[in-house]
Amino acid sequence: MRTNSKRMRTLLIALCAATFLIPRLPGTEPGGVRQIPVPLPPMGWSSWNSFSNTIDVQIIMAQAKAMVANGMQKAGYQYMNIDEGWWLGKRDADGNIVVDEKAWPALAEGDKPGDMANIVRFIHGLGLKAGIYTDAGRDGCSLYPDLGPMYFNTGSEGHYEQDFLQFAKWGFDYVKVDWCGGARENLDPAVQYAEIARAISRAEKATGHRLYFSICEWGVQSPWTWAPNVGGIEADVWRTSGDIVDPIVAGDKNSTRKASFQNMLGNFDQGIHPAAQHTGFYNDLDMMVIGMPGFSDTQNRVHMSLWAISGAPLLVGADLARLSPETLSMLINPGVLSVDQDALGLQAVKVAEPAKGQEVWVKPLAKSGTRAVLLQNRTSAMQEITAGWKDLGLTPGTKATVRNLWTGEENTSSDSFAVKVPPGDATFLLVLGTASPAKIYQPEKAPDGASKARMPCPGCDLRFTSVASRASWAVVRIKYFNPDKASRFAELRVNGQTATRIGFPPTGPNPGAVAIQALLDRQGETNTLVFSSDRDPGPVIDSISVE
């Protein structure tokens, strides 16, 4: 990739300005309890947007090399995800996948042509991770018109055990399971993805190799309500909407397509389900279209800001060998990435809309009193948007530092601040202030009069009552104990709302804490949080603190 010296200086200045914006993450939560690390949203690249189902080994090798050479790997991007088109739907007499040897040849001495382990070894050799694609139904997405060649039978229905074991044996680290075939057959996604999850679990046990699980049901049947821990394993991410754009393939009949800014905004809106995003489970807003035809630099920056504040997977769909210096600087801005990759793993909440089209979005971060704030202007005129401390969950009357994550500009403010935002633009800020004091709650007494009912168990509940709310949302930190080597799980229901399944990673011999966001729909001290478990044992929950 060629660049002139002025562009390179711009890139270096942006990177240097951003390096001081990353808040140091604490090792404890309020009260001195350790914050237990949770898996962070994946960062990487996917082949679909730029190459449709016309991929082969040369394309994947070139993209992997580009990710290393352009600094994306160093910034944290790691997955090279091979999407639809790697397999043409053929199986042998035993039902095993047969791969085209010309598209996926041997890469080193001793390699067998048509063995996908070859490209996995190449990707791993660069220090990256490898992802693969299948469908929950009989067919994949190749059958949709105008997306590339039509390949039948590229799904895994009827071969779940066989295929996912094969993916693990090949060495893949990530598997995206689409829903084109499932939708065509009118299957039940909760049922099919649970079967797939169990197949993945068995493949992991047989090989000792972890498969990161990406559910791509497009949000049709509200996967945020059933996907966390579906099938008894850690279902990691789930799509919440359709594709932002159909493939835009250079030199192809579809090369004149343009990415849609409005579609991107729609995917962001559909992807906000903060009560379900926590403890390593993530709403997936679709692979990004940053750097693809149709977007200006301003629109690319807004897109990156929205995905970062939502804590979304950052999977780039553009051709990595064709990124402009401006686009690359946005993708690897360390201050922006630190928001997406924040240790709490939470999502943004819209906390204010002072006027139609003026939006204030807030994402609580791991460091106490630190907030990522996005002021978004969806109107056609310049707007001054104000954010107040109450909306941000900060202590009224205190001072805070407000930093622009893109420019590095820093100011001090008290109680509120206002920013003039151009039309169709957004201002992305890091606010370092004083959090409103957290209040600690103990579970109510058990019906038999025992002093505390610490353990959710099959068929029993652990209740926290009279929980106060300062706003419509709150960060709830759960102090718990899990001596196992694997996560335990429990469901949380807030004021009778739809339950969310929470992961409780191992704590070792001492207690720790994880954080979730609760949407509190009752004013005053009238909220009720109920934990339950349909499996034994559940986590030992000691108390909660509400900030």
Protein backbone atom coordinates (compact mmCIF):
# COMPACT_ATOMS: atom_id res chain seq x y z
CA MET A 1 0.00 0.00 0.00
CA ARG A 2 1.50 3.33 -1.05
CA THR A 3 1.05 6.47 0.95
CA ASN A 4 2.48 9.97 0.81
CA SER A 5 4.44 11.50 3.68
CA LYS A 6 1.66 13.91 4.68
CA ARG A 7 -0.84 11.07 5.11
CA MET A 8 1.66 9.04 7.11
CA ARG A 9 2.35 11.98 9.41
CA THR A 10 -1.42 12.33 9.95
CA LEU A 11 -1.66 8.66 10.88
CA LEU A 12 1.27 8.83 13.31
CA ILE A 13 -0.05 11.98 14.99
CA ALA A 14 -3.46 10.37 15.47
CA LEU A 15 -1.91 7.28 17.01
CA CYS A 16 0.31 9.26 19.36
CA ALA A 17 -2.61 11.45 20.44
CA ALA A 18 -4.68 8.39 21.24
CA THR A 19 -2.15 6.45 23.29
CA PHE A 20 -2.68 8.45 26.47
CA LEU A 21 -6.44 8.02 26.34
CA ILE A 22 -6.56 4.42 27.54
CA PRO A 23 -7.66 4.25 31.20
CA ARG A 24 -5.71 1.83 33.35
CA LEU A 25 -8.05 -0.98 34.32
CA PRO A 26 -8.38 -1.72 38.03
CA GLY A 27 -7.95 -5.14 39.58
CA THR A 28 -10.81 -4.70 42.03
CA GLU A 29 -14.39 -3.52 42.03
CA PRO A 30 -15.80 -1.12 44.67
CA GLY A 31 -15.46 -2.80 48.04
CA GLY A 32 -12.10 -4.38 47.22
CA VAL A 33 -13.38 -7.55 45.51
CA ARG A 34 -11.43 -8.71 42.45
CA GLN A 35 -13.05 -8.09 39.08
CA ILE A 36 -12.92 -11.49 37.37
CA PRO A 37 -11.77 -11.22 33.72
CA VAL A 38 -14.37 -12.13 31.10
CA PRO A 39 -13.78 -12.89 27.38
CA LEU A 40 -13.71 -9.69 25.33
CA PRO A 41 -15.48 -9.19 21.97
CA PRO A 42 -13.54 -10.67 19.05
CA MET A 43 -11.53 -8.49 16.68
CA GLY A 44 -10.62 -9.64 13.20
CA TRP A 45 -11.61 -9.85 9.55
CA SER A 46 -14.26 -11.72 7.55
CA SER A 47 -14.16 -12.52 3.84
CA TRP A 48 -17.85 -12.10 2.89
CA ASN A 49 -18.24 -8.34 2.32
CA SER A 50 -15.34 -8.01 -0.13
CA PHE A 51 -15.07 -11.47 -1.70
CA SER A 52 -18.54 -13.05 -1.46
CA ASN A 53 -18.29 -16.82 -2.00
CA THR A 54 -15.40 -16.61 -4.46
CA ILE A 55 -12.64 -17.18 -1.89
CA ASP A 56 -9.57 -19.37 -2.11
CA VAL A 57 -6.24 -19.87 -0.37
CA GLN A 58 -4.51 -16.97 -2.14
CA ILE A 59 -7.13 -14.46 -0.98
CA ILE A 60 -6.96 -15.61 2.63
CA MET A 61 -3.15 -15.65 2.67
CA ALA A 62 -3.00 -12.12 1.23
CA GLN A 63 -5.49 -10.77 3.77
CA ALA A 64 -3.67 -12.44 6.67
CA LYS A 65 -0.35 -10.96 5.55
CA ALA A 66 -1.97 -7.54 5.23
CA MET A 67 -3.37 -7.72 8.77
CA VAL A 68 0.13 -8.31 10.11
CA ALA A 69 1.87 -5.76 7.87
CA ASN A 70 -0.52 -2.84 8.41
CA GLY A 71 -0.44 -2.93 12.22
CA MET A 72 -3.92 -4.34 12.81
CA GLN A 73 -2.57 -7.49 14.45
CA LYS A 74 -0.45 -5.41 16.82
CA ALA A 75 -3.55 -3.32 17.66
CA GLY A 76 -5.45 -6.47 18.74
CA TYR A 77 -7.11 -7.86 15.62
CA GLN A 78 -6.56 -11.61 15.50
CA TYR A 79 -9.27 -13.61 13.70
CA MET A 80 -9.07 -14.39 9.98
CA ASN A 81 -12.59 -15.69 9.28
CA ILE A 82 -13.21 -17.68 6.11
CA ASP A 83 -16.89 -17.17 5.24
CA GLU A 84 -19.24 -18.80 2.70
CA GLY A 85 -17.63 -20.25 -0.45
CA TRP A 86 -14.73 -22.21 1.06
CA TRP A 87 -16.67 -25.44 0.48
CA LEU A 88 -18.77 -26.37 -2.55
CA GLY A 89 -21.12 -28.80 -0.81
CA LYS A 90 -19.55 -32.17 -1.69
CA ARG A 91 -19.20 -35.05 0.79
CA ASP A 92 -17.61 -38.49 0.47
CA ALA A 93 -19.38 -41.80 1.02
CA ASP A 94 -18.95 -41.44 4.79
CA GLY A 95 -20.43 -37.95 4.86
CA ASN A 96 -17.09 -36.16 5.33
CA ILE A 97 -16.61 -32.71 3.77
CA VAL A 98 -14.67 -32.82 0.49
CA VAL A 99 -12.70 -29.64 -0.22
CA ASP A 100 -11.65 -28.40 -3.68
CA GLU A 101 -7.93 -29.21 -3.95
CA LYS A 102 -7.29 -26.45 -6.52
CA ALA A 103 -8.76 -23.73 -4.30
CA TRP A 104 -7.07 -25.07 -1.16
CA PRO A 105 -3.80 -26.72 -2.24
CA ALA A 106 -0.82 -27.91 -0.21
CA LEU A 107 1.21 -25.01 1.19
CA ALA A 108 4.23 -26.84 2.58
CA GLU A 109 6.04 -30.11 2.17
CA GLY A 110 3.98 -32.92 3.64
CA ASP A 111 0.67 -31.08 3.22
CA LYS A 112 -2.27 -32.88 1.64
CA PRO A 113 -4.19 -30.90 -1.02
CA GLY A 114 -7.76 -30.12 0.02
CA ASP A 115 -6.89 -30.24 3.73
CA MET A 116 -8.11 -27.06 5.46
CA ALA A 117 -5.53 -27.64 8.16
CA ASN A 118 -3.02 -26.21 5.65
CA ILE A 119 -4.47 -22.69 5.70
CA VAL A 120 -5.02 -22.93 9.47
CA ARG A 121 -1.31 -23.65 9.98
CA PHE A 122 -0.43 -20.69 7.76
CA ILE A 123 -2.70 -18.34 9.72
CA HIS A 124 -1.44 -19.64 13.06
CA GLY A 125 2.12 -19.23 11.81
CA LEU A 126 1.51 -15.49 11.53
CA GLY A 127 0.30 -15.37 15.13
CA LEU A 128 -3.36 -15.06 14.11
CA LYS A 129 -6.44 -17.22 14.71
CA ALA A 130 -8.54 -18.94 12.04
CA GLY A 131 -12.32 -18.91 11.59
CA ILE A 132 -14.61 -21.06 9.42
CA TYR A 133 -18.24 -20.93 8.23
CA THR A 134 -21.21 -23.25 7.98
CA ASP A 135 -25.00 -23.09 8.15
CA ALA A 136 -27.47 -24.63 10.59
CA GLY A 137 -29.56 -25.92 7.66
CA ARG A 138 -28.80 -28.06 4.63
CA ASP A 139 -27.70 -25.07 2.49
CA GLY A 140 -25.75 -21.91 3.13
CA CYS A 141 -26.29 -18.39 1.77
CA SER A 142 -24.92 -19.09 -1.72
CA LEU A 143 -28.42 -19.85 -2.95
CA TYR A 144 -29.50 -16.22 -2.71
CA PRO A 145 -29.42 -14.61 -6.17
CA ASP A 146 -26.82 -12.05 -7.18
CA LEU A 147 -24.36 -12.88 -4.41
CA GLY A 148 -22.00 -15.10 -6.40
CA PRO A 149 -21.93 -18.73 -7.59
CA MET A 150 -24.73 -20.97 -6.28
CA TYR A 151 -23.53 -23.90 -4.17
CA PHE A 152 -26.03 -26.37 -2.72
CA ASN A 153 -25.65 -28.48 0.45
CA THR A 154 -23.05 -26.25 2.10
CA GLY A 155 -24.79 -26.43 5.49
CA SER A 156 -24.20 -28.86 8.36
CA GLU A 157 -27.72 -30.10 9.09
CA GLY A 158 -27.55 -33.86 9.61
CA HIS A 159 -23.79 -33.67 10.14
CA TYR A 160 -23.41 -31.47 13.23
CA GLU A 161 -21.28 -33.94 15.20
CA GLN A 162 -19.15 -34.78 12.16
CA ASP A 163 -18.57 -31.24 10.91
CA PHE A 164 -17.76 -29.50 14.17
CA LEU A 165 -15.38 -32.28 15.13
CA GLN A 166 -13.72 -31.79 11.73
CA PHE A 167 -13.44 -28.02 12.26
CA ALA A 168 -11.75 -28.62 15.62
CA LYS A 169 -9.41 -31.26 14.16
CA TRP A 170 -8.42 -28.88 11.38
CA GLY A 171 -7.49 -26.41 14.12
CA PHE A 172 -10.03 -23.66 13.53
CA ASP A 173 -10.57 -21.34 16.49
CA TYR A 174 -13.87 -19.70 15.51
CA VAL A 175 -16.98 -20.97 13.74
CA LYS A 176 -19.78 -18.82 12.31
CA VAL A 177 -23.06 -20.69 11.92
CA ASP A 178 -25.42 -18.95 9.50
CA TRP A 179 -29.20 -19.32 9.18
CA CYS A 180 -29.96 -19.15 5.44
CA GLY A 181 -30.68 -22.89 5.20
CA GLY A 182 -32.39 -22.91 8.59
CA ALA A 183 -34.73 -20.10 7.56
CA ARG A 184 -35.50 -21.75 4.23
CA GLU A 185 -36.52 -24.94 6.05
CA ASN A 186 -38.45 -23.03 8.74
CA LEU A 187 -36.40 -24.59 11.53
CA ASP A 188 -36.50 -23.39 15.14
CA PRO A 189 -33.24 -21.48 15.77
CA ALA A 190 -33.24 -22.02 19.54
CA VAL A 191 -33.51 -25.79 18.98
CA GLN A 192 -30.98 -26.02 16.14
CA TYR A 193 -28.36 -23.80 17.76
CA ALA A 194 -28.68 -25.75 21.01
CA GLU A 195 -27.96 -28.96 19.08
CA ILE A 196 -24.99 -27.26 17.44
CA ALA A 197 -23.73 -26.02 20.80
CA ARG A 198 -23.77 -29.56 22.16
CA ALA A 199 -21.90 -30.78 19.08
CA ILE A 200 -19.30 -28.06 19.61
CA SER A 201 -18.96 -29.05 23.25
CA ARG A 202 -18.33 -32.67 22.31
CA ALA A 203 -15.81 -31.62 19.64
CA GLU A 204 -13.96 -29.49 22.18
CA LYS A 205 -13.82 -32.35 24.67
CA ALA A 206 -12.62 -34.80 22.01
CA THR A 207 -9.85 -32.54 20.71
CA GLY A 208 -9.08 -30.22 23.61
CA HIS A 209 -9.45 -27.35 21.13
CA ARG A 210 -11.74 -24.35 21.80
CA LEU A 211 -14.22 -23.25 19.09
CA TYR A 212 -15.50 -19.70 19.52
CA PHE A 213 -19.22 -19.87 18.64
CA SER A 214 -20.83 -17.17 16.46
CA ILE A 215 -24.60 -17.47 15.95
CA CYS A 216 -25.83 -15.71 12.79
CA GLU A 217 -29.63 -15.87 13.01
CA TRP A 218 -29.94 -12.11 12.15
CA GLY A 219 -32.01 -11.29 15.26
CA VAL A 220 -35.26 -12.59 13.74
CA GLN A 221 -36.32 -14.51 16.85
CA SER A 222 -34.59 -12.37 19.50
CA PRO A 223 -31.46 -14.49 20.10
CA TRP A 224 -30.38 -12.23 22.96
CA THR A 225 -33.17 -13.90 24.97
CA TRP A 226 -32.00 -17.50 24.37
CA ALA A 227 -28.49 -17.54 22.87
CA PRO A 228 -26.39 -16.93 26.04
CA ASN A 229 -25.25 -20.37 27.21
CA VAL A 230 -27.49 -22.07 24.62
CA GLY A 231 -27.08 -25.83 24.71
CA GLY A 232 -25.14 -25.60 27.94
CA ILE A 233 -21.99 -24.02 26.47
CA GLU A 234 -20.74 -20.48 26.23
CA ALA A 235 -22.46 -19.22 23.06
CA ASP A 236 -20.25 -16.22 22.59
CA VAL A 237 -21.82 -13.84 20.04
CA TRP A 238 -25.11 -13.64 18.19
CA ARG A 239 -26.19 -11.48 15.28
CA THR A 240 -28.95 -9.01 16.05
CA SER A 241 -29.86 -7.88 12.52
CA GLY A 242 -29.40 -8.54 8.82
CA ASP A 243 -26.36 -7.66 6.71
CA ILE A 244 -25.42 -4.00 6.43
CA VAL A 245 -24.43 -4.54 2.80
CA ASP A 246 -24.44 -7.29 0.20
CA PRO A 247 -20.94 -8.19 -1.02
CA ILE A 248 -19.05 -5.51 -2.97
CA VAL A 249 -16.47 -7.48 -4.95
CA ALA A 250 -13.74 -5.62 -6.89
CA GLY A 251 -13.86 -6.46 -10.60
CA ASP A 252 -17.17 -8.28 -10.16
CA LYS A 253 -20.62 -7.43 -11.52
CA ASN A 254 -21.42 -6.09 -8.02
CA SER A 255 -18.37 -3.80 -7.77
CA THR A 256 -20.54 -0.67 -8.14
CA ARG A 257 -22.59 -1.39 -5.02
CA LYS A 258 -22.28 1.09 -2.15
CA ALA A 259 -22.46 0.58 1.59
CA SER A 260 -25.45 2.32 3.18
CA PHE A 261 -24.97 4.69 6.12
CA GLN A 262 -28.64 4.35 7.02
CA ASN A 263 -28.37 0.56 7.03
CA MET A 264 -25.39 0.85 9.35
CA LEU A 265 -27.37 3.07 11.73
CA GLY A 266 -30.26 0.60 11.59
CA ASN A 267 -27.98 -2.28 12.55
CA PHE A 268 -26.68 -0.27 15.50
CA ASP A 269 -30.22 0.47 16.68
CA GLN A 270 -31.25 -3.17 16.39
CA GLY A 271 -28.15 -4.35 18.23
CA ILE A 272 -28.68 -2.53 21.53
CA HIS A 273 -29.76 -5.08 24.16
CA PRO A 274 -27.61 -4.08 27.14
CA ALA A 275 -29.28 -6.40 29.66
CA ALA A 276 -28.10 -9.41 27.62
CA GLN A 277 -24.51 -8.32 26.98
CA HIS A 278 -22.19 -9.25 29.81
CA THR A 279 -19.74 -11.88 31.15
CA GLY A 280 -18.42 -12.73 27.67
CA PHE A 281 -21.73 -12.74 25.74
CA TYR A 282 -22.00 -10.13 22.96
CA ASN A 283 -24.57 -8.66 20.59
CA ASP A 284 -23.09 -8.83 17.08
CA LEU A 285 -24.12 -5.88 14.90
CA ASP A 286 -22.60 -7.48 11.74
CA MET A 287 -19.15 -7.16 10.23
CA MET A 288 -18.13 -3.54 9.74
CA VAL A 289 -18.23 -1.73 6.40
CA ILE A 290 -15.56 0.80 7.33
CA GLY A 291 -13.35 1.41 4.30
CA MET A 292 -15.85 0.06 1.78
CA PRO A 293 -17.28 2.07 -1.15
CA GLY A 294 -20.03 4.49 -0.20
CA PHE A 295 -18.71 5.86 3.12
CA SER A 296 -16.94 9.17 3.69
CA ASP A 297 -14.21 9.51 6.31
CA THR A 298 -16.76 11.14 8.63
CA GLN A 299 -19.18 8.26 8.20
CA ASN A 300 -16.38 5.74 8.75
CA ARG A 301 -15.50 7.50 12.01
CA VAL A 302 -19.13 7.53 13.19
CA HIS A 303 -19.43 3.82 12.30
CA MET A 304 -16.30 2.95 14.30
CA SER A 305 -17.52 5.03 17.25
CA LEU A 306 -20.91 3.27 17.30
CA TRP A 307 -19.42 -0.23 17.18
CA ALA A 308 -16.88 0.63 19.90
CA ILE A 309 -19.36 2.13 22.34
CA SER A 310 -21.70 -0.82 21.80
CA GLY A 311 -18.89 -3.22 22.72
CA ALA A 312 -19.53 -5.08 19.48
CA PRO A 313 -17.28 -7.62 17.77
CA LEU A 314 -14.94 -5.64 15.50
CA LEU A 315 -14.85 -7.79 12.35
CA VAL A 316 -13.66 -5.82 9.34
CA GLY A 317 -15.29 -6.61 5.98
CA ALA A 318 -13.15 -4.36 3.77
CA ASP A 319 -10.22 -5.56 1.68
CA LEU A 320 -7.29 -5.15 4.09
CA ALA A 321 -4.85 -4.63 1.22
CA ARG A 322 -6.79 -1.56 0.02
CA LEU A 323 -7.35 0.39 3.26
CA SER A 324 -6.54 4.10 3.09
CA PRO A 325 -4.27 5.55 5.80
CA GLU A 326 -7.27 7.46 7.19
CA THR A 327 -9.37 4.29 7.47
CA LEU A 328 -6.51 2.33 8.98
CA SER A 329 -5.92 5.02 11.61
CA MET A 330 -9.57 4.70 12.69
CA LEU A 331 -9.42 0.90 12.91
CA ILE A 332 -6.30 0.89 15.10
CA ASN A 333 -6.95 3.97 17.26
CA PRO A 334 -5.98 2.62 20.72
CA GLY A 335 -8.27 4.90 22.72
CA VAL A 336 -11.30 3.86 20.69
CA LEU A 337 -10.33 0.17 20.80
CA SER A 338 -9.95 0.36 24.59
CA VAL A 339 -13.63 1.31 24.85
CA ASP A 340 -14.72 -1.66 22.76
CA GLN A 341 -12.35 -3.98 24.63
CA ASP A 342 -13.13 -2.68 28.13
CA ALA A 343 -12.80 -5.33 30.83
CA LEU A 344 -16.43 -5.13 32.00
CA GLY A 345 -17.70 -6.24 28.59
CA LEU A 346 -20.87 -4.12 28.81
CA GLN A 347 -22.88 -2.28 26.15
CA ALA A 348 -23.96 1.32 25.69
CA VAL A 349 -27.33 2.64 26.87
CA LYS A 350 -29.14 5.65 25.40
CA VAL A 351 -29.63 7.81 28.49
CA ALA A 352 -30.98 11.03 27.00
CA GLU A 353 -32.53 12.50 23.87
CA PRO A 354 -32.76 16.25 24.57
CA ALA A 355 -34.51 16.79 21.23
CA LYS A 356 -35.44 14.58 18.30
CA GLY A 357 -32.26 13.35 16.63
CA GLN A 358 -30.01 14.41 19.54
CA GLU A 359 -28.82 11.29 21.36
CA VAL A 360 -26.60 10.72 24.40
CA TRP A 361 -25.16 7.19 24.66
CA VAL A 362 -23.19 5.96 27.67
CA LYS A 363 -21.06 2.86 28.20
CA PRO A 364 -19.85 2.22 31.78
CA LEU A 365 -16.17 1.23 31.87
CA ALA A 366 -14.16 -0.85 34.31
CA LYS A 367 -12.39 2.04 36.01
CA SER A 368 -14.78 3.53 38.56
CA GLY A 369 -16.30 6.80 37.41
CA THR A 370 -15.13 6.33 33.81
CA ARG A 371 -17.68 6.51 31.02
CA ALA A 372 -17.50 6.33 27.24
CA VAL A 373 -20.00 8.88 25.91
CA LEU A 374 -21.27 9.32 22.36
CA LEU A 375 -23.15 12.48 21.40
CA GLN A 376 -24.91 11.66 18.15
CA ASN A 377 -26.61 14.10 15.81
CA ARG A 378 -29.06 12.36 13.46
CA THR A 379 -30.52 15.63 12.16
CA SER A 380 -29.62 17.66 9.06
CA ALA A 381 -28.40 20.73 11.01
CA MET A 382 -25.71 21.54 13.57
CA GLN A 383 -26.88 20.68 17.09
CA GLU A 384 -25.54 21.50 20.55
CA ILE A 385 -26.00 18.33 22.62
CA THR A 386 -25.71 18.40 26.41
CA ALA A 387 -24.87 15.48 28.72
CA GLY A 388 -25.49 15.78 32.46
CA TRP A 389 -23.83 13.94 35.33
CA LYS A 390 -27.09 12.34 36.45
CA ASP A 391 -27.58 10.77 33.02
CA LEU A 392 -23.99 9.49 33.07
CA GLY A 393 -24.27 8.00 36.57
CA LEU A 394 -21.74 10.47 38.01
CA THR A 395 -21.93 12.36 41.29
CA PRO A 396 -23.59 15.80 40.85
CA GLY A 397 -21.44 18.76 41.74
CA THR A 398 -18.13 17.03 40.99
CA LYS A 399 -15.57 17.81 38.31
CA ALA A 400 -14.66 15.44 35.51
CA THR A 401 -12.14 15.32 32.69
CA VAL A 402 -13.68 15.08 29.23
CA ARG A 403 -11.43 13.82 26.40
CA ASN A 404 -12.24 13.55 22.72
CA LEU A 405 -11.20 10.04 21.70
CA TRP A 406 -10.49 11.04 18.10
CA THR A 407 -8.71 14.39 18.48
CA GLY A 408 -7.18 14.07 21.95
CA GLU A 409 -8.66 17.43 23.04
CA GLU A 410 -9.24 17.54 26.81
CA ASN A 411 -11.39 19.78 29.02
CA THR A 412 -12.63 19.88 32.60
CA SER A 413 -16.31 20.23 33.37
CA SER A 414 -18.73 20.19 36.32
CA ASP A 415 -22.26 18.72 36.37
CA SER A 416 -22.63 18.71 32.57
CA PHE A 417 -21.00 19.56 29.28
CA ALA A 418 -22.25 20.58 25.84
CA VAL A 419 -20.75 19.91 22.40
CA LYS A 420 -21.72 21.25 19.00
CA VAL A 421 -22.08 18.24 16.71
CA PRO A 422 -22.31 18.64 12.91
CA PRO A 423 -25.23 17.05 11.05
CA GLY A 424 -24.96 13.29 10.59
CA ASP A 425 -21.90 13.23 12.84
CA ALA A 426 -21.07 12.09 16.37
CA THR A 427 -18.59 13.12 19.06
CA PHE A 428 -16.91 10.27 20.93
CA LEU A 429 -15.70 11.11 24.44
CA LEU A 430 -14.05 9.55 27.46
CA VAL A 431 -15.30 11.05 30.73
CA LEU A 432 -13.24 10.47 33.87
CA GLY A 433 -15.29 11.53 36.89
CA THR A 434 -16.68 10.36 40.20
CA ALA A 435 -19.21 7.57 40.15
CA SER A 436 -22.33 7.85 42.24
CA PRO A 437 -21.76 5.80 45.42
CA ALA A 438 -22.61 2.13 45.05
CA LYS A 439 -25.02 0.52 47.48
CA ILE A 440 -24.50 -3.07 48.65
CA TYR A 441 -27.47 -5.44 49.00
CA GLN A 442 -27.69 -8.79 50.75
CA PRO A 443 -30.13 -11.52 49.63
CA GLU A 444 -33.35 -11.70 51.58
CA LYS A 445 -33.78 -14.44 54.17
CA ALA A 446 -34.76 -17.88 53.05
CA PRO A 447 -38.34 -19.01 53.81
CA ASP A 448 -37.07 -21.42 56.48
CA GLY A 449 -35.59 -18.54 58.45
CA ALA A 450 -31.96 -19.18 57.56
CA SER A 451 -29.87 -16.04 57.77
CA LYS A 452 -28.87 -16.08 54.08
CA ALA A 453 -29.76 -18.05 50.98
CA ARG A 454 -26.52 -17.81 49.09
CA MET A 455 -26.74 -20.59 46.53
CA PRO A 456 -29.15 -20.58 43.58
CA CYS A 457 -30.14 -24.20 43.19
CA PRO A 458 -32.42 -26.15 40.83
CA GLY A 459 -35.93 -24.89 41.45
CA CYS A 460 -35.04 -22.22 44.02
CA ASP A 461 -34.45 -18.47 43.79
CA LEU A 462 -32.10 -15.96 45.37
CA ARG A 463 -33.89 -12.64 45.78
CA PHE A 464 -32.65 -9.09 46.26
CA THR A 465 -35.51 -6.74 47.06
CA SER A 466 -35.96 -3.00 47.63
CA VAL A 467 -33.12 -2.22 45.22
CA ALA A 468 -32.93 1.52 44.59
CA SER A 469 -32.67 3.08 41.13
CA ARG A 470 -31.19 6.48 40.35
CA ALA A 471 -31.97 6.13 36.65
CA SER A 472 -33.41 3.64 34.17
CA TRP A 473 -30.13 1.68 34.15
CA ALA A 474 -27.56 0.58 36.68
CA VAL A 475 -24.29 -1.33 36.81
CA VAL A 476 -24.75 -4.33 39.09
CA ARG A 477 -21.59 -6.03 40.36
CA ILE A 478 -22.17 -9.52 41.68
CA LYS A 479 -19.86 -10.83 44.39
CA TYR A 480 -19.68 -14.61 44.08
CA PHE A 481 -17.58 -17.74 44.50
CA ASN A 482 -16.91 -20.48 41.93
CA PRO A 483 -14.18 -23.00 42.85
CA ASP A 484 -14.54 -24.97 39.58
CA LYS A 485 -12.23 -24.88 36.56
CA ALA A 486 -15.14 -23.94 34.30
CA SER A 487 -17.82 -21.28 34.43
CA ARG A 488 -21.06 -21.79 36.32
CA PHE A 489 -24.27 -20.14 35.17
CA ALA A 490 -27.38 -18.58 36.65
CA GLU A 491 -30.34 -16.61 35.32
CA LEU A 492 -31.24 -13.11 36.43
CA ARG A 493 -34.73 -11.66 36.15
CA VAL A 494 -35.20 -7.95 36.95
CA ASN A 495 -38.71 -6.88 37.92
CA GLY A 496 -40.20 -9.82 36.05
CA GLN A 497 -38.51 -8.90 32.74
CA THR A 498 -37.13 -11.51 30.36
CA ALA A 499 -34.34 -13.41 32.11
CA THR A 500 -30.70 -13.22 31.05
CA ARG A 501 -28.23 -16.05 31.64
CA ILE A 502 -25.03 -14.89 33.35
CA GLY A 503 -21.66 -16.59 33.20
CA PHE A 504 -19.65 -16.87 36.43
CA PRO A 505 -16.01 -17.71 35.58
CA PRO A 506 -13.79 -19.54 38.10
CA THR A 507 -12.67 -17.41 41.03
CA GLY A 508 -10.15 -19.73 42.66
CA PRO A 509 -10.21 -19.99 46.45
CA ASN A 510 -11.32 -16.37 46.99
CA PRO A 511 -14.48 -14.54 45.89
CA GLY A 512 -14.59 -12.30 42.85
CA ALA A 513 -17.07 -10.13 40.97
CA VAL A 514 -18.61 -9.82 37.53
CA ALA A 515 -20.70 -6.93 36.23
CA ILE A 516 -23.99 -6.78 34.36
CA GLN A 517 -26.34 -3.96 33.42
CA ALA A 518 -29.84 -3.96 34.82
CA LEU A 519 -32.66 -1.96 33.25
CA LEU A 520 -34.54 -0.75 36.30
CA ASP A 521 -38.06 0.26 35.34
CA ARG A 522 -39.27 1.28 38.78
CA GLN A 523 -38.45 4.50 40.58
CA GLY A 524 -37.29 4.51 44.18
CA GLU A 525 -36.33 1.48 46.25
CA THR A 526 -38.83 -0.88 44.66
CA ASN A 527 -36.78 -3.00 42.24
CA THR A 528 -36.42 -6.76 42.64
CA LEU A 529 -33.58 -8.88 41.23
CA VAL A 530 -34.05 -12.65 41.26
CA PHE A 531 -31.26 -15.15 40.53
CA SER A 532 -32.09 -18.77 39.74
CA SER A 533 -30.32 -21.84 38.42
CA ASP A 534 -31.64 -24.88 36.58
CA ARG A 535 -28.33 -26.66 37.04
CA ASP A 536 -26.48 -27.81 40.11
CA PRO A 537 -24.23 -26.39 41.31
CA GLY A 538 -24.80 -22.74 40.56
CA PRO A 539 -22.47 -19.95 41.66
CA VAL A 540 -22.34 -19.03 45.33
CA ILE A 541 -23.66 -15.46 45.25
CA ASP A 542 -22.73 -13.41 48.29
CA SER A 543 -24.09 -9.92 47.56
CA ILE A 544 -24.61 -7.32 44.86
CA SER A 545 -23.54 -3.70 44.63
CA VAL A 546 -25.58 -1.30 42.52
CA GLU A 547 -23.91 1.77 41.04
